[in-house]
Amino acid sequence: MFSFKRKKVPSPSVNNDMLSKQRRYDSLVRALHSDLYRYAYWLCGDKHIAEDITQETFLRAWRSLESLKDDKAAKAWLITILRRENARRFERKQFDYSDVEQSELADKVSLSTEDNMEQHLLRRQIARLEVEYREPLILQVIGGFTGDEIANILDLNRNTVMTRLFRARNQLKDMLDDTQTRGHSNG
């Protein structure tokens, strides 16, 4: 007699779980992709590397999406994954380095050449800050994170974060004041 093997068909609950995961993931990507890309670009200064880091971040997020218990914490969770992914690229052997300026990220908000020049100057001065000051400042300004969230992301004490933010702003202000003073003395 003939014997027929039954093909295993996923149960409806498995299909529903996968569909639910896919919807949740798609929602995260739509909501946070541009923020993550912008942060990645600030970290590496190269749009192609930023795209790669962002893509790898979302791939890792997909693999461990069930570990995200609170969707309100998704942005901080993804930024943490992105920071780790960025650190991983320094563990790999790399020969290609780029001297792309931070200012090459397209600005779709500024309307005038003067605004573009000011933004370029600001980006250049932020890039000159030491990483310990630059990173919390970028997380706050670009990422929109609170001091507590930045402390969690960077695994630092909140007071340390607040001190670094204070110092970053003061250093940035001093650099911008110096630039303006030099600009006026040249004219």
C-alpha atoms as a PDB file:
ATOM      1  CA  MET A   1       0.000   0.000   0.000  1.00  0.00           C
ATOM      2  CA  PHE A   2       0.911   3.553  -0.528  1.00  0.00           C
ATOM      3  CA  SER A   3       1.934   5.652   2.373  1.00  0.00           C
ATOM      4  CA  PHE A   4       1.462   9.375   2.247  1.00  0.00           C
ATOM      5  CA  LYS A   5       3.505  11.670   4.416  1.00  0.00           C
ATOM      6  CA  ARG A   6       1.700  14.681   5.631  1.00  0.00           C
ATOM      7  CA  LYS A   7       3.442  17.908   4.929  1.00  0.00           C
ATOM      8  CA  LYS A   8       3.844  19.972   8.068  1.00  0.00           C
ATOM      9  CA  VAL A   9       1.887  23.174   7.797  1.00  0.00           C
ATOM     10  CA  PRO A  10       2.606  25.919  10.289  1.00  0.00           C
ATOM     11  CA  SER A  11      -0.164  26.350  12.764  1.00  0.00           C
ATOM     12  CA  PRO A  12      -2.289  29.492  12.517  1.00  0.00           C
ATOM     13  CA  SER A  13      -0.790  30.800  15.767  1.00  0.00           C
ATOM     14  CA  VAL A  14       2.747  30.558  14.333  1.00  0.00           C
ATOM     15  CA  ASN A  15       1.634  32.459  11.244  1.00  0.00           C
ATOM     16  CA  ASN A  16      -0.061  35.079  13.423  1.00  0.00           C
ATOM     17  CA  ASP A  17       3.065  35.409  15.583  1.00  0.00           C
ATOM     18  CA  MET A  18       5.268  35.909  12.507  1.00  0.00           C
ATOM     19  CA  LEU A  19       2.849  38.412  11.028  1.00  0.00           C
ATOM     20  CA  SER A  20       2.733  40.282  14.321  1.00  0.00           C
ATOM     21  CA  LYS A  21       6.551  40.328  14.509  1.00  0.00           C
ATOM     22  CA  GLN A  22       6.779  41.561  10.911  1.00  0.00           C
ATOM     23  CA  ARG A  23       4.289  44.368  11.559  1.00  0.00           C
ATOM     24  CA  ARG A  24       6.098  45.430  14.718  1.00  0.00           C
ATOM     25  CA  TYR A  25       9.438  45.387  12.907  1.00  0.00           C
ATOM     26  CA  ASP A  26       8.100  47.315   9.898  1.00  0.00           C
ATOM     27  CA  SER A  27       6.669  49.908  12.255  1.00  0.00           C
ATOM     28  CA  LEU A  28      10.058  50.336  13.981  1.00  0.00           C
ATOM     29  CA  VAL A  29      11.871  50.679  10.667  1.00  0.00           C
ATOM     30  CA  ARG A  30       9.427  53.276   9.343  1.00  0.00           C
ATOM     31  CA  ALA A  31       9.457  55.284  12.563  1.00  0.00           C
ATOM     32  CA  LEU A  32      13.168  55.209  13.374  1.00  0.00           C
ATOM     33  CA  HIS A  33      15.174  54.547  10.214  1.00  0.00           C
ATOM     34  CA  SER A  34      15.999  58.191   9.486  1.00  0.00           C
ATOM     35  CA  ASP A  35      16.987  58.889  13.111  1.00  0.00           C
ATOM     36  CA  LEU A  36      19.270  55.855  13.183  1.00  0.00           C
ATOM     37  CA  TYR A  37      20.833  56.695   9.837  1.00  0.00           C
ATOM     38  CA  ARG A  38      21.439  60.293  10.922  1.00  0.00           C
ATOM     39  CA  TYR A  39      23.107  59.098  14.137  1.00  0.00           C
ATOM     40  CA  ALA A  40      25.190  56.511  12.249  1.00  0.00           C
ATOM     41  CA  TYR A  41      26.334  59.222   9.861  1.00  0.00           C
ATOM     42  CA  TRP A  42      27.363  61.421  12.768  1.00  0.00           C
ATOM     43  CA  LEU A  43      29.390  58.527  14.171  1.00  0.00           C
ATOM     44  CA  CYS A  44      31.242  57.541  11.024  1.00  0.00           C
ATOM     45  CA  GLY A  45      31.039  60.517   8.648  1.00  0.00           C
ATOM     46  CA  ASP A  46      30.507  58.305   5.582  1.00  0.00           C
ATOM     47  CA  LYS A  47      27.081  57.808   4.056  1.00  0.00           C
ATOM     48  CA  HIS A  48      27.830  54.313   2.725  1.00  0.00           C
ATOM     49  CA  ILE A  49      29.153  53.073   6.055  1.00  0.00           C
ATOM     50  CA  ALA A  50      26.210  54.739   7.820  1.00  0.00           C
ATOM     51  CA  GLU A  51      23.822  52.873   5.520  1.00  0.00           C
ATOM     52  CA  ASP A  52      25.611  49.587   6.251  1.00  0.00           C
ATOM     53  CA  ILE A  53      25.602  50.156  10.000  1.00  0.00           C
ATOM     54  CA  THR A  54      21.919  51.104   9.944  1.00  0.00           C
ATOM     55  CA  GLN A  55      21.035  48.040   7.879  1.00  0.00           C
ATOM     56  CA  GLU A  56      23.021  45.745  10.172  1.00  0.00           C
ATOM     57  CA  THR A  57      21.352  47.354  13.190  1.00  0.00           C
ATOM     58  CA  PHE A  58      17.902  46.537  11.840  1.00  0.00           C
ATOM     59  CA  LEU A  59      18.999  43.007  10.946  1.00  0.00           C
ATOM     60  CA  ARG A  60      20.169  42.435  14.512  1.00  0.00           C
ATOM     61  CA  ALA A  61      16.978  44.032  15.802  1.00  0.00           C
ATOM     62  CA  TRP A  62      14.889  41.586  13.741  1.00  0.00           C
ATOM     63  CA  ARG A  63      16.795  38.638  15.201  1.00  0.00           C
ATOM     64  CA  SER A  64      16.198  39.732  18.768  1.00  0.00           C
ATOM     65  CA  LEU A  65      12.934  41.639  18.479  1.00  0.00           C
ATOM     66  CA  GLU A  66      11.307  39.500  21.162  1.00  0.00           C
ATOM     67  CA  SER A  67      13.801  40.920  23.687  1.00  0.00           C
ATOM     68  CA  LEU A  68      12.299  44.396  23.218  1.00  0.00           C
ATOM     69  CA  LYS A  69       9.641  44.370  25.915  1.00  0.00           C
ATOM     70  CA  ASP A  70       8.592  48.023  25.771  1.00  0.00           C
ATOM     71  CA  ASP A  71       8.126  49.696  22.386  1.00  0.00           C
ATOM     72  CA  LYS A  72       8.661  53.084  24.058  1.00  0.00           C
ATOM     73  CA  ALA A  73      12.274  52.035  24.636  1.00  0.00           C
ATOM     74  CA  ALA A  74      12.769  51.016  20.981  1.00  0.00           C
ATOM     75  CA  LYS A  75      14.799  54.053  19.951  1.00  0.00           C
ATOM     76  CA  ALA A  76      17.287  53.699  22.818  1.00  0.00           C
ATOM     77  CA  TRP A  77      17.455  49.934  22.202  1.00  0.00           C
ATOM     78  CA  LEU A  78      18.215  50.450  18.515  1.00  0.00           C
ATOM     79  CA  ILE A  79      20.782  53.183  19.220  1.00  0.00           C
ATOM     80  CA  THR A  80      22.555  50.785  21.587  1.00  0.00           C
ATOM     81  CA  ILE A  81      22.610  48.112  18.876  1.00  0.00           C
ATOM     82  CA  LEU A  82      23.891  50.700  16.380  1.00  0.00           C
ATOM     83  CA  ARG A  83      26.685  51.835  18.701  1.00  0.00           C
ATOM     84  CA  ARG A  84      27.796  48.239  19.189  1.00  0.00           C
ATOM     85  CA  GLU A  85      27.661  47.620  15.453  1.00  0.00           C
ATOM     86  CA  ASN A  86      29.770  50.714  14.856  1.00  0.00           C
ATOM     87  CA  ALA A  87      32.311  49.462  17.406  1.00  0.00           C
ATOM     88  CA  ARG A  88      32.389  46.079  15.655  1.00  0.00           C
ATOM     89  CA  ARG A  89      33.598  47.652  12.442  1.00  0.00           C
ATOM     90  CA  PHE A  90      36.781  48.722  14.240  1.00  0.00           C
ATOM     91  CA  GLU A  91      37.336  45.124  15.295  1.00  0.00           C
ATOM     92  CA  ARG A  92      37.399  44.126  11.612  1.00  0.00           C
ATOM     93  CA  LYS A  93      40.343  44.788   9.367  1.00  0.00           C
ATOM     94  CA  GLN A  94      39.780  47.952   7.353  1.00  0.00           C
ATOM     95  CA  PHE A  95      41.944  49.684   4.816  1.00  0.00           C
ATOM     96  CA  ASP A  96      39.445  52.072   3.253  1.00  0.00           C
ATOM     97  CA  TYR A  97      39.195  55.353   5.108  1.00  0.00           C
ATOM     98  CA  SER A  98      37.206  58.313   3.990  1.00  0.00           C
ATOM     99  CA  ASP A  99      37.766  61.981   4.663  1.00  0.00           C
ATOM    100  CA  VAL A 100      34.121  62.846   4.015  1.00  0.00           C
ATOM    101  CA  GLU A 101      33.100  65.994   5.818  1.00  0.00           C
ATOM    102  CA  GLN A 102      30.197  65.802   8.264  1.00  0.00           C
ATOM    103  CA  SER A 103      28.538  68.549   6.266  1.00  0.00           C
ATOM    104  CA  GLU A 104      27.885  66.337   3.233  1.00  0.00           C
ATOM    105  CA  LEU A 105      24.673  65.050   4.781  1.00  0.00           C
ATOM    106  CA  ALA A 106      21.965  66.787   2.809  1.00  0.00           C
ATOM    107  CA  ASP A 107      20.102  69.483   4.671  1.00  0.00           C
ATOM    108  CA  LYS A 108      16.558  69.735   3.431  1.00  0.00           C
ATOM    109  CA  VAL A 109      15.491  72.331   6.022  1.00  0.00           C
ATOM    110  CA  SER A 110      17.863  75.247   5.517  1.00  0.00           C
ATOM    111  CA  LEU A 111      16.807  77.686   2.869  1.00  0.00           C
ATOM    112  CA  SER A 112      19.727  80.055   2.505  1.00  0.00           C
ATOM    113  CA  THR A 113      23.424  79.786   1.788  1.00  0.00           C
ATOM    114  CA  GLU A 114      24.065  81.529   5.094  1.00  0.00           C
ATOM    115  CA  ASP A 115      22.077  78.854   6.939  1.00  0.00           C
ATOM    116  CA  ASN A 116      24.061  76.156   5.124  1.00  0.00           C
ATOM    117  CA  MET A 117      27.350  77.803   6.075  1.00  0.00           C
ATOM    118  CA  GLU A 118      26.298  78.112   9.711  1.00  0.00           C
ATOM    119  CA  GLN A 119      25.233  74.469   9.792  1.00  0.00           C
ATOM    120  CA  HIS A 120      28.516  73.406   8.177  1.00  0.00           C
ATOM    121  CA  LEU A 121      30.463  75.375  10.783  1.00  0.00           C
ATOM    122  CA  LEU A 122      28.413  73.891  13.615  1.00  0.00           C
ATOM    123  CA  ARG A 123      28.873  70.323  12.356  1.00  0.00           C
ATOM    124  CA  ARG A 124      32.601  70.876  11.942  1.00  0.00           C
ATOM    125  CA  GLN A 125      32.924  72.247  15.477  1.00  0.00           C
ATOM    126  CA  ILE A 126      30.859  69.391  16.965  1.00  0.00           C
ATOM    127  CA  ALA A 127      33.112  66.919  15.146  1.00  0.00           C
ATOM    128  CA  ARG A 128      36.114  68.553  16.866  1.00  0.00           C
ATOM    129  CA  LEU A 129      34.746  67.774  20.345  1.00  0.00           C
ATOM    130  CA  GLU A 130      36.300  64.811  22.126  1.00  0.00           C
ATOM    131  CA  VAL A 131      34.147  61.713  21.683  1.00  0.00           C
ATOM    132  CA  GLU A 132      33.217  61.631  25.379  1.00  0.00           C
ATOM    133  CA  TYR A 133      31.529  65.017  24.942  1.00  0.00           C
ATOM    134  CA  ARG A 134      30.409  64.702  21.321  1.00  0.00           C
ATOM    135  CA  GLU A 135      28.505  61.443  21.754  1.00  0.00           C
ATOM    136  CA  PRO A 136      26.122  62.537  24.537  1.00  0.00           C
ATOM    137  CA  LEU A 137      25.554  65.870  22.753  1.00  0.00           C
ATOM    138  CA  ILE A 138      24.658  64.141  19.481  1.00  0.00           C
ATOM    139  CA  LEU A 139      22.384  61.697  21.304  1.00  0.00           C
ATOM    140  CA  GLN A 140      20.571  64.630  22.876  1.00  0.00           C
ATOM    141  CA  VAL A 141      20.439  66.958  19.872  1.00  0.00           C
ATOM    142  CA  ILE A 142      20.091  64.471  17.007  1.00  0.00           C
ATOM    143  CA  GLY A 143      18.504  61.578  18.895  1.00  0.00           C
ATOM    144  CA  GLY A 144      16.282  63.625  21.178  1.00  0.00           C
ATOM    145  CA  PHE A 145      17.182  61.534  24.223  1.00  0.00           C
ATOM    146  CA  THR A 146      16.900  62.670  27.831  1.00  0.00           C
ATOM    147  CA  GLY A 147      19.822  62.605  30.250  1.00  0.00           C
ATOM    148  CA  ASP A 148      18.535  59.364  31.782  1.00  0.00           C
ATOM    149  CA  GLU A 149      18.186  57.703  28.389  1.00  0.00           C
ATOM    150  CA  ILE A 150      21.678  58.804  27.358  1.00  0.00           C
ATOM    151  CA  ALA A 151      23.043  57.425  30.629  1.00  0.00           C
ATOM    152  CA  ASN A 152      21.418  54.076  29.829  1.00  0.00           C
ATOM    153  CA  ILE A 153      22.667  54.015  26.245  1.00  0.00           C
ATOM    154  CA  LEU A 154      26.237  54.957  27.161  1.00  0.00           C
ATOM    155  CA  ASP A 155      26.199  52.923  30.370  1.00  0.00           C
ATOM    156  CA  LEU A 156      27.134  55.965  32.446  1.00  0.00           C
ATOM    157  CA  ASN A 157      25.865  57.649  35.567  1.00  0.00           C
ATOM    158  CA  ARG A 158      23.242  60.332  34.851  1.00  0.00           C
ATOM    159  CA  ASN A 159      25.328  63.005  36.610  1.00  0.00           C
ATOM    160  CA  THR A 160      28.302  62.116  34.405  1.00  0.00           C
ATOM    161  CA  VAL A 161      26.116  62.524  31.326  1.00  0.00           C
ATOM    162  CA  MET A 162      24.782  65.875  32.495  1.00  0.00           C
ATOM    163  CA  THR A 163      28.324  67.095  33.246  1.00  0.00           C
ATOM    164  CA  ARG A 164      29.519  65.992  29.807  1.00  0.00           C
ATOM    165  CA  LEU A 165      26.566  67.711  28.131  1.00  0.00           C
ATOM    166  CA  PHE A 166      27.306  70.908  30.063  1.00  0.00           C
ATOM    167  CA  ARG A 167      30.994  70.783  29.124  1.00  0.00           C
ATOM    168  CA  ALA A 168      30.202  69.920  25.493  1.00  0.00           C
ATOM    169  CA  ARG A 169      27.936  72.937  25.159  1.00  0.00           C
ATOM    170  CA  ASN A 170      30.500  75.214  26.798  1.00  0.00           C
ATOM    171  CA  GLN A 171      33.325  73.917  24.600  1.00  0.00           C
ATOM    172  CA  LEU A 172      31.146  74.280  21.525  1.00  0.00           C
ATOM    173  CA  LYS A 173      30.171  77.821  22.523  1.00  0.00           C
ATOM    174  CA  ASP A 174      33.828  78.733  23.077  1.00  0.00           C
ATOM    175  CA  MET A 175      34.837  77.267  19.700  1.00  0.00           C
ATOM    176  CA  LEU A 176      32.038  79.129  17.934  1.00  0.00           C
ATOM    177  CA  ASP A 177      32.908  82.371  19.754  1.00  0.00           C
ATOM    178  CA  ASP A 178      36.568  81.950  18.717  1.00  0.00           C
ATOM    179  CA  THR A 179      35.520  81.351  15.114  1.00  0.00           C
ATOM    180  CA  GLN A 180      33.305  84.433  15.084  1.00  0.00           C
ATOM    181  CA  THR A 181      36.011  86.558  16.720  1.00  0.00           C
ATOM    182  CA  ARG A 182      38.556  85.437  14.109  1.00  0.00           C
ATOM    183  CA  GLY A 183      36.010  86.047  11.348  1.00  0.00           C
ATOM    184  CA  HIS A 184      35.402  89.623  12.506  1.00  0.00           C
ATOM    185  CA  SER A 185      39.111  90.394  12.891  1.00  0.00           C
ATOM    186  CA  ASN A 186      39.715  89.299   9.289  1.00  0.00           C
ATOM    187  CA  GLY A 187      37.191  91.730   7.893  1.00  0.00           C
END
